[in-house]
């Protein structure tokens, strides 16, 4: 399976050519979390209902629920890689190793571009700290910075998967 980067979607009755990255950014800007936006644009490829994808990925947004952890866009991308290569049988070691190899490559590339895979490292603010979280909201940091990470996560998945 090769996941293409461009496809046609319908928006307000019009057909639009969009990249998956464009759609993920649009979903994020509508209010979905970074993890939701990334997983959702690949859900159909794996027979996963988009609403189920939104529910599965919800808790991974904002550094895993504001806990100063892995960026949700990164988590969403890792979920997609797991859907593509992950094992379903305990003795399928080859699928496990392939998944780990692709995830490792994704993490290397993402870190190379952004110097981190954590929300704190990417944003410069710890979302688990109430005063820093308030500052992020006041300065609109998430809305200005996170679309970049959502886009890059999707583009890397398309490249690697």
C-alpha atoms as a PDB file:
ATOM      1  CA  UNK A   1       0.000   0.000   0.000  1.00  0.00           C
ATOM      2  CA  UNK A   2       1.287   3.421  -0.939  1.00  0.00           C
ATOM      3  CA  UNK A   3      -0.363   6.380   0.685  1.00  0.00           C
ATOM      4  CA  UNK A   4      -0.657   9.237  -1.761  1.00  0.00           C
ATOM      5  CA  UNK A   5      -0.173  12.791  -0.652  1.00  0.00           C
ATOM      6  CA  UNK A   6      -2.862  14.424  -2.833  1.00  0.00           C
ATOM      7  CA  UNK A   7      -6.518  13.573  -3.154  1.00  0.00           C
ATOM      8  CA  UNK A   8      -9.872  15.185  -3.812  1.00  0.00           C
ATOM      9  CA  UNK A   9     -12.277  16.104  -1.027  1.00  0.00           C
ATOM     10  CA  UNK A  10     -15.638  17.841  -0.989  1.00  0.00           C
ATOM     11  CA  UNK A  11     -15.933  21.093   0.955  1.00  0.00           C
ATOM     12  CA  UNK A  12     -19.261  22.927   0.929  1.00  0.00           C
ATOM     13  CA  UNK A  13     -20.313  21.034  -2.180  1.00  0.00           C
ATOM     14  CA  UNK A  14     -17.108  21.807  -4.105  1.00  0.00           C
ATOM     15  CA  UNK A  15     -14.410  19.349  -5.054  1.00  0.00           C
ATOM     16  CA  UNK A  16     -10.949  20.460  -3.977  1.00  0.00           C
ATOM     17  CA  UNK A  17      -7.533  18.974  -4.549  1.00  0.00           C
ATOM     18  CA  UNK A  18      -5.778  18.975  -1.209  1.00  0.00           C
ATOM     19  CA  UNK A  19      -2.749  17.319   0.159  1.00  0.00           C
ATOM     20  CA  UNK A  20      -3.215  15.217   3.248  1.00  0.00           C
ATOM     21  CA  UNK A  21      -1.080  17.758   5.053  1.00  0.00           C
ATOM     22  CA  UNK A  22      -3.419  20.582   3.960  1.00  0.00           C
ATOM     23  CA  UNK A  23      -6.425  18.663   5.236  1.00  0.00           C
ATOM     24  CA  UNK A  24      -4.726  17.825   8.537  1.00  0.00           C
ATOM     25  CA  UNK A  25      -3.885  21.495   9.088  1.00  0.00           C
ATOM     26  CA  UNK A  26      -7.481  22.419   8.235  1.00  0.00           C
ATOM     27  CA  UNK A  27      -8.792  19.889  10.767  1.00  0.00           C
ATOM     28  CA  UNK A  28      -6.420  21.258  13.401  1.00  0.00           C
ATOM     29  CA  UNK A  29      -7.538  24.814  12.673  1.00  0.00           C
ATOM     30  CA  UNK A  30     -11.162  23.700  13.057  1.00  0.00           C
ATOM     31  CA  UNK A  31     -10.366  22.675  16.631  1.00  0.00           C
ATOM     32  CA  UNK A  32      -9.322  19.029  16.450  1.00  0.00           C
ATOM     33  CA  UNK A  33      -6.163  18.194  18.351  1.00  0.00           C
ATOM     34  CA  UNK A  34      -2.867  17.655  16.561  1.00  0.00           C
ATOM     35  CA  UNK A  35      -3.043  13.890  17.094  1.00  0.00           C
ATOM     36  CA  UNK A  36      -6.611  13.752  15.795  1.00  0.00           C
ATOM     37  CA  UNK A  37      -5.775  15.789  12.699  1.00  0.00           C
ATOM     38  CA  UNK A  38      -2.864  13.541  11.740  1.00  0.00           C
ATOM     39  CA  UNK A  39      -4.568  10.180  12.294  1.00  0.00           C
ATOM     40  CA  UNK A  40      -7.865  11.257  10.716  1.00  0.00           C
ATOM     41  CA  UNK A  41      -6.434  12.040   7.280  1.00  0.00           C
ATOM     42  CA  UNK A  42      -5.157   8.467   6.994  1.00  0.00           C
ATOM     43  CA  UNK A  43      -8.077   6.655   8.656  1.00  0.00           C
ATOM     44  CA  UNK A  44      -9.952   5.757   5.471  1.00  0.00           C
ATOM     45  CA  UNK A  45      -6.833   4.085   4.013  1.00  0.00           C
ATOM     46  CA  UNK A  46      -7.018   1.517   6.795  1.00  0.00           C
ATOM     47  CA  UNK A  47     -10.786   1.065   6.861  1.00  0.00           C
ATOM     48  CA  UNK A  48     -10.975   3.070  10.070  1.00  0.00           C
ATOM     49  CA  UNK A  49     -14.032   5.245  10.548  1.00  0.00           C
ATOM     50  CA  UNK A  50     -12.925   8.861  10.924  1.00  0.00           C
ATOM     51  CA  UNK A  51     -14.984   9.373  14.079  1.00  0.00           C
ATOM     52  CA  UNK A  52     -13.336   6.333  15.651  1.00  0.00           C
ATOM     53  CA  UNK A  53      -9.940   7.762  14.646  1.00  0.00           C
ATOM     54  CA  UNK A  54     -10.858  11.037  16.350  1.00  0.00           C
ATOM     55  CA  UNK A  55     -11.823   9.178  19.518  1.00  0.00           C
ATOM     56  CA  UNK A  56      -8.747   6.913  19.563  1.00  0.00           C
ATOM     57  CA  UNK A  57      -6.338   9.797  19.117  1.00  0.00           C
ATOM     58  CA  UNK A  58      -7.988  12.412  21.357  1.00  0.00           C
ATOM     59  CA  UNK A  59      -5.937  11.787  24.494  1.00  0.00           C
ATOM     60  CA  UNK A  60      -2.614  12.069  22.690  1.00  0.00           C
ATOM     61  CA  UNK A  61      -3.023  15.748  21.803  1.00  0.00           C
ATOM     62  CA  UNK A  62      -1.133  18.560  23.519  1.00  0.00           C
ATOM     63  CA  UNK A  63       1.767  16.470  24.744  1.00  0.00           C
ATOM     64  CA  UNK A  64      -0.509  13.616  25.841  1.00  0.00           C
ATOM     65  CA  UNK A  65      -3.271  15.538  27.560  1.00  0.00           C
ATOM     66  CA  UNK A  66      -1.156  18.508  28.734  1.00  0.00           C
ATOM     67  CA  UNK A  67       1.359  16.237  30.469  1.00  0.00           C
ATOM     68  CA  UNK A  68       4.578  17.606  28.990  1.00  0.00           C
ATOM     69  CA  UNK A  69       5.136  14.585  26.794  1.00  0.00           C
ATOM     70  CA  UNK A  70       5.336  13.635  23.111  1.00  0.00           C
ATOM     71  CA  UNK A  71       3.782  16.042  20.609  1.00  0.00           C
ATOM     72  CA  UNK A  72       0.347  14.856  19.494  1.00  0.00           C
ATOM     73  CA  UNK A  73       1.242  15.214  15.823  1.00  0.00           C
ATOM     74  CA  UNK A  74       4.108  12.784  16.442  1.00  0.00           C
ATOM     75  CA  UNK A  75       1.802  10.415  18.333  1.00  0.00           C
ATOM     76  CA  UNK A  76      -0.746  10.546  15.513  1.00  0.00           C
ATOM     77  CA  UNK A  77       1.952   9.764  12.972  1.00  0.00           C
ATOM     78  CA  UNK A  78       3.164   6.799  15.036  1.00  0.00           C
ATOM     79  CA  UNK A  79      -0.418   5.482  15.102  1.00  0.00           C
ATOM     80  CA  UNK A  80      -0.540   5.645  11.308  1.00  0.00           C
ATOM     81  CA  UNK A  81       2.777   3.815  11.041  1.00  0.00           C
ATOM     82  CA  UNK A  82       1.387   1.171  13.386  1.00  0.00           C
ATOM     83  CA  UNK A  83      -1.715   0.810  11.230  1.00  0.00           C
ATOM     84  CA  UNK A  84       0.485   0.288   8.177  1.00  0.00           C
ATOM     85  CA  UNK A  85       3.150  -2.037   9.564  1.00  0.00           C
ATOM     86  CA  UNK A  86       2.074  -3.170  13.035  1.00  0.00           C
ATOM     87  CA  UNK A  87       1.789  -6.825  13.873  1.00  0.00           C
ATOM     88  CA  UNK A  88      -1.466  -8.591  14.612  1.00  0.00           C
ATOM     89  CA  UNK A  89       0.043 -11.914  15.631  1.00  0.00           C
ATOM     90  CA  UNK A  90       2.440 -12.196  18.540  1.00  0.00           C
ATOM     91  CA  UNK A  91       4.927 -14.282  16.529  1.00  0.00           C
ATOM     92  CA  UNK A  92       5.096 -11.765  13.635  1.00  0.00           C
ATOM     93  CA  UNK A  93       8.462 -10.373  14.668  1.00  0.00           C
ATOM     94  CA  UNK A  94       9.188  -9.029  11.181  1.00  0.00           C
ATOM     95  CA  UNK A  95       6.180  -6.663  11.344  1.00  0.00           C
ATOM     96  CA  UNK A  96       7.158  -5.536  14.834  1.00  0.00           C
ATOM     97  CA  UNK A  97      10.711  -4.768  13.710  1.00  0.00           C
ATOM     98  CA  UNK A  98       9.508  -3.008  10.542  1.00  0.00           C
ATOM     99  CA  UNK A  99       7.184  -0.842  12.629  1.00  0.00           C
ATOM    100  CA  UNK A 100       9.967   0.056  15.040  1.00  0.00           C
ATOM    101  CA  UNK A 101      12.347   0.834  12.178  1.00  0.00           C
ATOM    102  CA  UNK A 102       9.879   3.160  10.443  1.00  0.00           C
ATOM    103  CA  UNK A 103       8.947   4.860  13.738  1.00  0.00           C
ATOM    104  CA  UNK A 104      12.645   5.362  14.491  1.00  0.00           C
ATOM    105  CA  UNK A 105      13.204   6.898  11.069  1.00  0.00           C
ATOM    106  CA  UNK A 106      10.187   9.145  11.526  1.00  0.00           C
ATOM    107  CA  UNK A 107      11.475  10.319  14.922  1.00  0.00           C
ATOM    108  CA  UNK A 108      14.966  10.982  13.520  1.00  0.00           C
ATOM    109  CA  UNK A 109      13.577  13.049  10.656  1.00  0.00           C
ATOM    110  CA  UNK A 110      11.132  14.973  12.821  1.00  0.00           C
ATOM    111  CA  UNK A 111      13.850  15.766  15.390  1.00  0.00           C
ATOM    112  CA  UNK A 112      16.231  16.773  12.606  1.00  0.00           C
ATOM    113  CA  UNK A 113      13.689  19.312  11.364  1.00  0.00           C
ATOM    114  CA  UNK A 114      12.436  20.520  14.761  1.00  0.00           C
ATOM    115  CA  UNK A 115      15.086  19.598  17.374  1.00  0.00           C
ATOM    116  CA  UNK A 116      12.502  17.816  19.545  1.00  0.00           C
ATOM    117  CA  UNK A 117       9.452  15.538  19.613  1.00  0.00           C
ATOM    118  CA  UNK A 118       7.978  16.896  22.859  1.00  0.00           C
ATOM    119  CA  UNK A 119       5.519  19.748  23.152  1.00  0.00           C
ATOM    120  CA  UNK A 120       7.780  21.579  25.573  1.00  0.00           C
ATOM    121  CA  UNK A 121      10.762  21.227  23.256  1.00  0.00           C
ATOM    122  CA  UNK A 122       8.766  22.326  20.230  1.00  0.00           C
ATOM    123  CA  UNK A 123       6.815  25.176  21.786  1.00  0.00           C
ATOM    124  CA  UNK A 124       9.227  26.363  24.440  1.00  0.00           C
ATOM    125  CA  UNK A 125       6.469  26.115  27.046  1.00  0.00           C
ATOM    126  CA  UNK A 126       5.496  23.323  29.427  1.00  0.00           C
ATOM    127  CA  UNK A 127       1.755  22.793  28.948  1.00  0.00           C
ATOM    128  CA  UNK A 128       1.502  20.965  32.275  1.00  0.00           C
ATOM    129  CA  UNK A 129       2.488  24.143  34.129  1.00  0.00           C
ATOM    130  CA  UNK A 130      -0.628  26.318  34.631  1.00  0.00           C
ATOM    131  CA  UNK A 131       1.229  29.631  34.318  1.00  0.00           C
ATOM    132  CA  UNK A 132       3.030  28.547  31.141  1.00  0.00           C
ATOM    133  CA  UNK A 133      -0.214  27.136  29.748  1.00  0.00           C
ATOM    134  CA  UNK A 134      -1.892  30.499  30.367  1.00  0.00           C
ATOM    135  CA  UNK A 135       0.979  32.236  28.561  1.00  0.00           C
ATOM    136  CA  UNK A 136       0.611  29.872  25.581  1.00  0.00           C
ATOM    137  CA  UNK A 137      -3.080  30.715  25.342  1.00  0.00           C
ATOM    138  CA  UNK A 138      -2.454  34.446  25.730  1.00  0.00           C
ATOM    139  CA  UNK A 139       0.210  34.464  22.997  1.00  0.00           C
ATOM    140  CA  UNK A 140      -1.748  32.077  20.738  1.00  0.00           C
ATOM    141  CA  UNK A 141       1.341  29.845  20.482  1.00  0.00           C
ATOM    142  CA  UNK A 142      -0.527  26.631  19.665  1.00  0.00           C
ATOM    143  CA  UNK A 143      -2.471  28.175  16.797  1.00  0.00           C
ATOM    144  CA  UNK A 144       0.640  29.752  15.304  1.00  0.00           C
ATOM    145  CA  UNK A 145       3.217  26.958  15.783  1.00  0.00           C
ATOM    146  CA  UNK A 146       1.406  23.618  15.853  1.00  0.00           C
ATOM    147  CA  UNK A 147       0.108  23.679  12.254  1.00  0.00           C
ATOM    148  CA  UNK A 148       3.764  23.456  11.197  1.00  0.00           C
ATOM    149  CA  UNK A 149       4.244  20.277  13.235  1.00  0.00           C
ATOM    150  CA  UNK A 150       0.967  18.765  12.010  1.00  0.00           C
ATOM    151  CA  UNK A 151       1.998  19.424   8.397  1.00  0.00           C
ATOM    152  CA  UNK A 152       5.490  18.002   8.862  1.00  0.00           C
ATOM    153  CA  UNK A 153       4.204  14.880  10.625  1.00  0.00           C
ATOM    154  CA  UNK A 154       1.796  14.114   7.781  1.00  0.00           C
ATOM    155  CA  UNK A 155       4.388  14.828   5.089  1.00  0.00           C
ATOM    156  CA  UNK A 156       6.877  12.504   6.805  1.00  0.00           C
ATOM    157  CA  UNK A 157       4.291   9.732   7.090  1.00  0.00           C
ATOM    158  CA  UNK A 158       3.494  10.038   3.392  1.00  0.00           C
ATOM    159  CA  UNK A 159       7.211   9.845   2.614  1.00  0.00           C
ATOM    160  CA  UNK A 160       7.977   6.899   4.902  1.00  0.00           C
ATOM    161  CA  UNK A 161       4.843   4.790   4.586  1.00  0.00           C
END
